[in-house]
């Protein structure tokens, strides 16, 4: 099988990543987002990591309430730029879905 056919059938994906990885991202969220102590539930949000690493096109999939949803978006907008995703070495816009659970 030629290299081009391998790429066609088996593309190589690199998912977008926060600088330092998931652990650093969750540390950033914990340090930055201060939810009221009486909030319990889950927010699921999707967004795109653009080719320049910025986050865009936020969509709330599951909500606790509008105030928490907007606070989550604000924290994400103010985050460091991500390393964008790649397909076969080509930087590409990638969708990311993030579940956040509050207990």
N, C-alpha and C. Protein backbone atom coordinates (compact mmCIF):
# COMPACT_ATOMS: atom_id res chain seq x y z
N UNK A 1 0.85 -1.18 0.00
CA UNK A 1 0.00 0.00 0.00
C UNK A 1 0.90 1.24 0.00
N UNK A 2 0.60 2.19 -0.87
CA UNK A 2 1.41 3.40 -0.95
C UNK A 2 1.15 4.30 0.25
N UNK A 3 2.05 5.23 0.47
CA UNK A 3 1.91 6.18 1.58
C UNK A 3 0.64 6.99 1.43
N UNK A 4 0.32 7.41 0.21
CA UNK A 4 -0.88 8.21 -0.02
C UNK A 4 -2.14 7.42 0.31
N UNK A 5 -2.17 6.14 -0.05
CA UNK A 5 -3.33 5.32 0.29
C UNK A 5 -3.44 5.10 1.79
N UNK A 6 -2.30 4.93 2.46
CA UNK A 6 -2.32 4.79 3.92
C UNK A 6 -2.90 6.04 4.57
N UNK A 7 -2.49 7.22 4.10
CA UNK A 7 -3.03 8.47 4.64
C UNK A 7 -4.52 8.58 4.38
N UNK A 8 -4.96 8.14 3.21
CA UNK A 8 -6.37 8.21 2.86
C UNK A 8 -7.21 7.33 3.79
N UNK A 9 -6.74 6.13 4.06
CA UNK A 9 -7.51 5.20 4.87
C UNK A 9 -7.19 5.27 6.36
N UNK A 10 -6.00 5.72 6.70
CA UNK A 10 -5.57 5.76 8.10
C UNK A 10 -4.93 7.11 8.42
N UNK A 11 -5.72 8.18 8.42
CA UNK A 11 -5.13 9.49 8.70
C UNK A 11 -4.61 9.55 10.15
N UNK A 12 -3.58 10.35 10.35
CA UNK A 12 -3.01 10.56 11.68
C UNK A 12 -3.62 11.81 12.28
N UNK A 13 -4.25 11.65 13.45
CA UNK A 13 -4.88 12.76 14.14
C UNK A 13 -4.08 13.15 15.37
N UNK A 14 -3.86 14.43 15.57
CA UNK A 14 -3.34 14.96 16.82
C UNK A 14 -4.42 15.88 17.35
N UNK A 15 -4.96 15.55 18.51
CA UNK A 15 -6.05 16.33 19.08
C UNK A 15 -5.52 17.65 19.65
N UNK A 16 -6.36 18.68 19.66
CA UNK A 16 -5.92 19.94 20.25
C UNK A 16 -5.62 19.73 21.73
N UNK A 17 -4.71 20.54 22.26
CA UNK A 17 -4.30 20.36 23.65
C UNK A 17 -3.98 21.70 24.29
N UNK A 18 -4.39 21.82 25.55
CA UNK A 18 -4.04 22.99 26.37
C UNK A 18 -2.54 22.92 26.68
N UNK A 19 -1.83 24.07 26.74
CA UNK A 19 -0.41 24.03 27.07
C UNK A 19 -0.17 23.31 28.40
N UNK A 20 0.64 22.29 28.37
CA UNK A 20 0.91 21.50 29.59
C UNK A 20 0.03 20.28 29.74
N UNK A 21 -0.99 20.15 28.87
CA UNK A 21 -1.85 18.97 28.90
C UNK A 21 -3.11 19.13 29.73
N UNK A 22 -3.83 18.01 29.86
CA UNK A 22 -5.12 18.02 30.57
C UNK A 22 -4.97 18.40 32.04
N UNK A 23 -3.91 17.91 32.68
CA UNK A 23 -3.72 18.22 34.10
C UNK A 23 -3.61 19.72 34.32
N UNK A 24 -2.80 20.40 33.49
CA UNK A 24 -2.66 21.85 33.60
C UNK A 24 -3.97 22.57 33.29
N UNK A 25 -4.72 22.04 32.33
CA UNK A 25 -6.00 22.65 31.98
C UNK A 25 -6.97 22.57 33.15
N UNK A 26 -7.07 21.41 33.78
CA UNK A 26 -7.98 21.27 34.92
C UNK A 26 -7.50 22.07 36.12
N UNK A 27 -6.20 22.24 36.27
CA UNK A 27 -5.66 23.11 37.33
C UNK A 27 -6.07 24.55 37.05
N UNK A 28 -5.95 24.97 35.79
CA UNK A 28 -6.38 26.32 35.41
C UNK A 28 -7.86 26.52 35.72
N UNK A 29 -8.69 25.55 35.34
CA UNK A 29 -10.13 25.67 35.60
C UNK A 29 -10.42 25.76 37.09
N UNK A 30 -9.78 24.91 37.88
CA UNK A 30 -10.02 24.90 39.33
C UNK A 30 -9.57 26.21 39.98
N UNK A 31 -8.46 26.76 39.50
CA UNK A 31 -7.94 28.01 40.08
C UNK A 31 -8.73 29.23 39.63
N UNK A 32 -9.29 29.17 38.45
CA UNK A 32 -9.94 30.34 37.86
C UNK A 32 -11.45 30.38 38.08
N UNK A 33 -12.09 29.24 37.97
CA UNK A 33 -13.55 29.19 38.06
C UNK A 33 -13.97 28.91 39.49
N UNK A 34 -14.67 29.84 40.07
CA UNK A 34 -15.16 29.68 41.43
C UNK A 34 -16.69 29.60 41.40
N UNK A 35 -17.19 28.39 41.45
CA UNK A 35 -18.64 28.18 41.44
C UNK A 35 -19.18 28.39 42.84
N UNK A 36 -20.40 28.90 42.94
CA UNK A 36 -21.04 28.97 44.26
C UNK A 36 -21.09 27.58 44.89
N UNK A 37 -20.95 27.51 46.19
CA UNK A 37 -20.88 26.21 46.88
C UNK A 37 -22.16 25.40 46.77
N UNK A 38 -23.27 26.05 46.50
CA UNK A 38 -24.55 25.33 46.43
C UNK A 38 -24.85 24.78 45.03
N UNK A 39 -23.94 24.95 44.08
CA UNK A 39 -24.16 24.47 42.72
C UNK A 39 -23.76 23.01 42.61
N UNK A 40 -24.68 22.23 42.11
CA UNK A 40 -24.40 20.82 41.83
C UNK A 40 -24.97 20.50 40.46
N UNK A 41 -24.23 19.71 39.72
CA UNK A 41 -24.69 19.33 38.40
C UNK A 41 -23.56 19.30 37.40
N UNK A 42 -23.91 19.26 36.14
CA UNK A 42 -22.90 19.14 35.09
C UNK A 42 -23.21 20.10 33.96
N UNK A 43 -22.15 20.75 33.48
CA UNK A 43 -22.22 21.56 32.28
C UNK A 43 -21.40 20.81 31.23
N UNK A 44 -21.99 20.62 30.07
CA UNK A 44 -21.24 20.06 28.94
C UNK A 44 -21.22 21.13 27.87
N UNK A 45 -20.02 21.49 27.45
CA UNK A 45 -19.85 22.56 26.47
C UNK A 45 -18.97 22.06 25.33
N UNK A 46 -19.33 22.45 24.13
CA UNK A 46 -18.48 22.14 22.98
C UNK A 46 -17.98 23.46 22.41
N UNK A 47 -16.82 23.40 21.81
CA UNK A 47 -16.23 24.58 21.19
C UNK A 47 -15.23 24.12 20.14
N UNK A 48 -14.77 25.06 19.34
CA UNK A 48 -13.75 24.76 18.34
C UNK A 48 -12.43 25.37 18.77
N UNK A 49 -11.36 24.60 18.59
CA UNK A 49 -10.01 25.12 18.74
C UNK A 49 -9.58 25.51 17.34
N UNK A 50 -9.39 26.80 17.15
CA UNK A 50 -9.04 27.32 15.82
C UNK A 50 -7.58 27.02 15.50
N UNK A 51 -7.19 27.26 14.27
CA UNK A 51 -5.82 26.96 13.83
C UNK A 51 -4.78 27.82 14.55
N UNK A 52 -5.20 28.96 15.11
CA UNK A 52 -4.26 29.80 15.87
C UNK A 52 -4.29 29.49 17.37
N UNK A 53 -5.09 28.48 17.78
CA UNK A 53 -5.14 28.07 19.18
C UNK A 53 -6.21 28.75 20.01
N UNK A 54 -6.91 29.71 19.43
CA UNK A 54 -7.99 30.36 20.18
C UNK A 54 -9.23 29.46 20.19
N UNK A 55 -10.11 29.71 21.16
CA UNK A 55 -11.35 28.94 21.28
C UNK A 55 -12.50 29.77 20.75
N UNK A 56 -13.45 29.11 20.09
CA UNK A 56 -14.52 29.83 19.40
C UNK A 56 -15.75 28.94 19.28
N UNK A 57 -16.87 29.55 18.96
CA UNK A 57 -18.12 28.84 18.64
C UNK A 57 -18.58 27.93 19.78
N UNK A 58 -18.76 28.52 20.95
CA UNK A 58 -19.18 27.78 22.14
C UNK A 58 -20.65 27.39 22.04
N UNK A 59 -20.93 26.15 22.43
CA UNK A 59 -22.32 25.67 22.47
C UNK A 59 -22.50 24.88 23.77
N UNK A 60 -23.50 25.29 24.54
CA UNK A 60 -23.82 24.57 25.76
C UNK A 60 -24.70 23.38 25.38
N UNK A 61 -24.23 22.19 25.69
CA UNK A 61 -24.98 20.97 25.40
C UNK A 61 -25.85 20.59 26.59
N UNK A 62 -25.32 20.77 27.79
CA UNK A 62 -26.06 20.50 29.02
C UNK A 62 -25.77 21.65 29.98
N UNK A 63 -26.83 22.18 30.58
CA UNK A 63 -26.71 23.39 31.38
C UNK A 63 -27.15 23.16 32.82
N UNK A 64 -26.53 23.92 33.73
CA UNK A 64 -27.03 24.01 35.11
C UNK A 64 -27.94 25.24 35.17
N UNK A 65 -27.40 26.38 34.77
CA UNK A 65 -28.18 27.61 34.62
C UNK A 65 -27.36 28.59 33.76
N UNK A 66 -27.99 29.64 33.29
CA UNK A 66 -27.35 30.59 32.37
C UNK A 66 -26.13 31.26 33.01
N UNK A 67 -26.21 31.60 34.29
CA UNK A 67 -25.11 32.27 34.97
C UNK A 67 -23.85 31.40 34.97
N UNK A 68 -23.99 30.13 35.30
CA UNK A 68 -22.86 29.21 35.31
C UNK A 68 -22.35 29.00 33.88
N UNK A 69 -23.27 28.84 32.93
CA UNK A 69 -22.88 28.64 31.52
C UNK A 69 -22.00 29.80 31.05
N UNK A 70 -22.43 31.03 31.31
CA UNK A 70 -21.67 32.20 30.88
C UNK A 70 -20.32 32.29 31.59
N UNK A 71 -20.29 31.91 32.87
CA UNK A 71 -19.03 31.92 33.62
C UNK A 71 -18.05 30.91 33.05
N UNK A 72 -18.54 29.74 32.65
CA UNK A 72 -17.68 28.72 32.04
C UNK A 72 -17.12 29.25 30.72
N UNK A 73 -17.95 29.86 29.91
CA UNK A 73 -17.49 30.42 28.63
C UNK A 73 -16.43 31.50 28.87
N UNK A 74 -16.66 32.36 29.85
CA UNK A 74 -15.70 33.43 30.15
C UNK A 74 -14.34 32.85 30.54
N UNK A 75 -14.34 31.82 31.37
CA UNK A 75 -13.08 31.19 31.77
C UNK A 75 -12.37 30.59 30.57
N UNK A 76 -13.12 29.95 29.67
CA UNK A 76 -12.52 29.35 28.48
C UNK A 76 -11.96 30.41 27.53
N UNK A 77 -12.68 31.51 27.36
CA UNK A 77 -12.22 32.59 26.48
C UNK A 77 -10.91 33.17 26.99
N UNK A 78 -10.75 33.25 28.31
CA UNK A 78 -9.55 33.85 28.90
C UNK A 78 -8.39 32.86 29.08
N UNK A 79 -8.58 31.62 28.67
CA UNK A 79 -7.52 30.61 28.81
C UNK A 79 -6.38 30.88 27.83
N UNK A 80 -5.24 30.28 28.12
CA UNK A 80 -4.12 30.36 27.19
C UNK A 80 -4.52 29.75 25.85
N UNK A 81 -3.81 30.13 24.81
CA UNK A 81 -4.06 29.53 23.49
C UNK A 81 -3.65 28.06 23.52
N UNK A 82 -4.46 27.25 22.88
CA UNK A 82 -4.20 25.82 22.81
C UNK A 82 -3.26 25.50 21.65
N UNK A 83 -2.68 24.32 21.69
CA UNK A 83 -1.98 23.79 20.53
C UNK A 83 -3.07 23.21 19.62
N UNK A 84 -3.20 23.70 18.39
CA UNK A 84 -4.30 23.24 17.54
C UNK A 84 -4.14 21.78 17.13
N UNK A 85 -5.25 21.20 16.68
CA UNK A 85 -5.23 19.84 16.20
C UNK A 85 -4.60 19.74 14.82
N UNK A 86 -4.26 18.51 14.45
CA UNK A 86 -3.67 18.27 13.14
C UNK A 86 -4.24 16.99 12.55
N UNK A 87 -4.34 16.98 11.24
CA UNK A 87 -4.66 15.76 10.50
C UNK A 87 -3.55 15.58 9.47
N UNK A 88 -2.86 14.47 9.59
CA UNK A 88 -1.72 14.17 8.71
C UNK A 88 -0.72 15.33 8.66
N UNK A 89 -0.46 15.94 9.82
CA UNK A 89 0.54 17.01 9.90
C UNK A 89 0.05 18.38 9.48
N UNK A 90 -1.20 18.49 9.05
CA UNK A 90 -1.77 19.77 8.63
C UNK A 90 -2.60 20.33 9.79
N UNK A 91 -2.25 21.54 10.23
CA UNK A 91 -3.00 22.18 11.33
C UNK A 91 -4.42 22.41 10.87
N UNK A 92 -5.38 22.06 11.75
CA UNK A 92 -6.79 22.15 11.37
C UNK A 92 -7.64 22.61 12.54
N UNK A 93 -8.77 23.18 12.23
CA UNK A 93 -9.77 23.56 13.21
C UNK A 93 -10.38 22.27 13.75
N UNK A 94 -10.54 22.17 15.07
CA UNK A 94 -11.03 20.93 15.65
C UNK A 94 -12.08 21.20 16.73
N UNK A 95 -13.08 20.36 16.76
CA UNK A 95 -14.13 20.47 17.77
C UNK A 95 -13.70 19.73 19.03
N UNK A 96 -14.04 20.32 20.18
CA UNK A 96 -13.69 19.75 21.47
C UNK A 96 -14.94 19.80 22.34
N UNK A 97 -15.23 18.73 23.05
CA UNK A 97 -16.36 18.70 23.97
C UNK A 97 -15.83 18.49 25.38
N UNK A 98 -16.30 19.33 26.30
CA UNK A 98 -15.78 19.33 27.66
C UNK A 98 -16.92 19.17 28.67
N UNK A 99 -16.91 18.08 29.46
CA UNK A 99 -17.87 17.96 30.56
C UNK A 99 -17.25 18.52 31.84
N UNK A 100 -18.00 19.35 32.54
CA UNK A 100 -17.56 19.90 33.82
C UNK A 100 -18.60 19.54 34.88
N UNK A 101 -18.16 18.83 35.91
CA UNK A 101 -19.09 18.39 36.96
C UNK A 101 -18.83 19.20 38.22
N UNK A 102 -19.90 19.72 38.80
CA UNK A 102 -19.83 20.49 40.04
C UNK A 102 -20.50 19.69 41.14
N UNK A 103 -19.77 19.51 42.25
CA UNK A 103 -20.33 18.71 43.36
C UNK A 103 -20.29 19.51 44.64
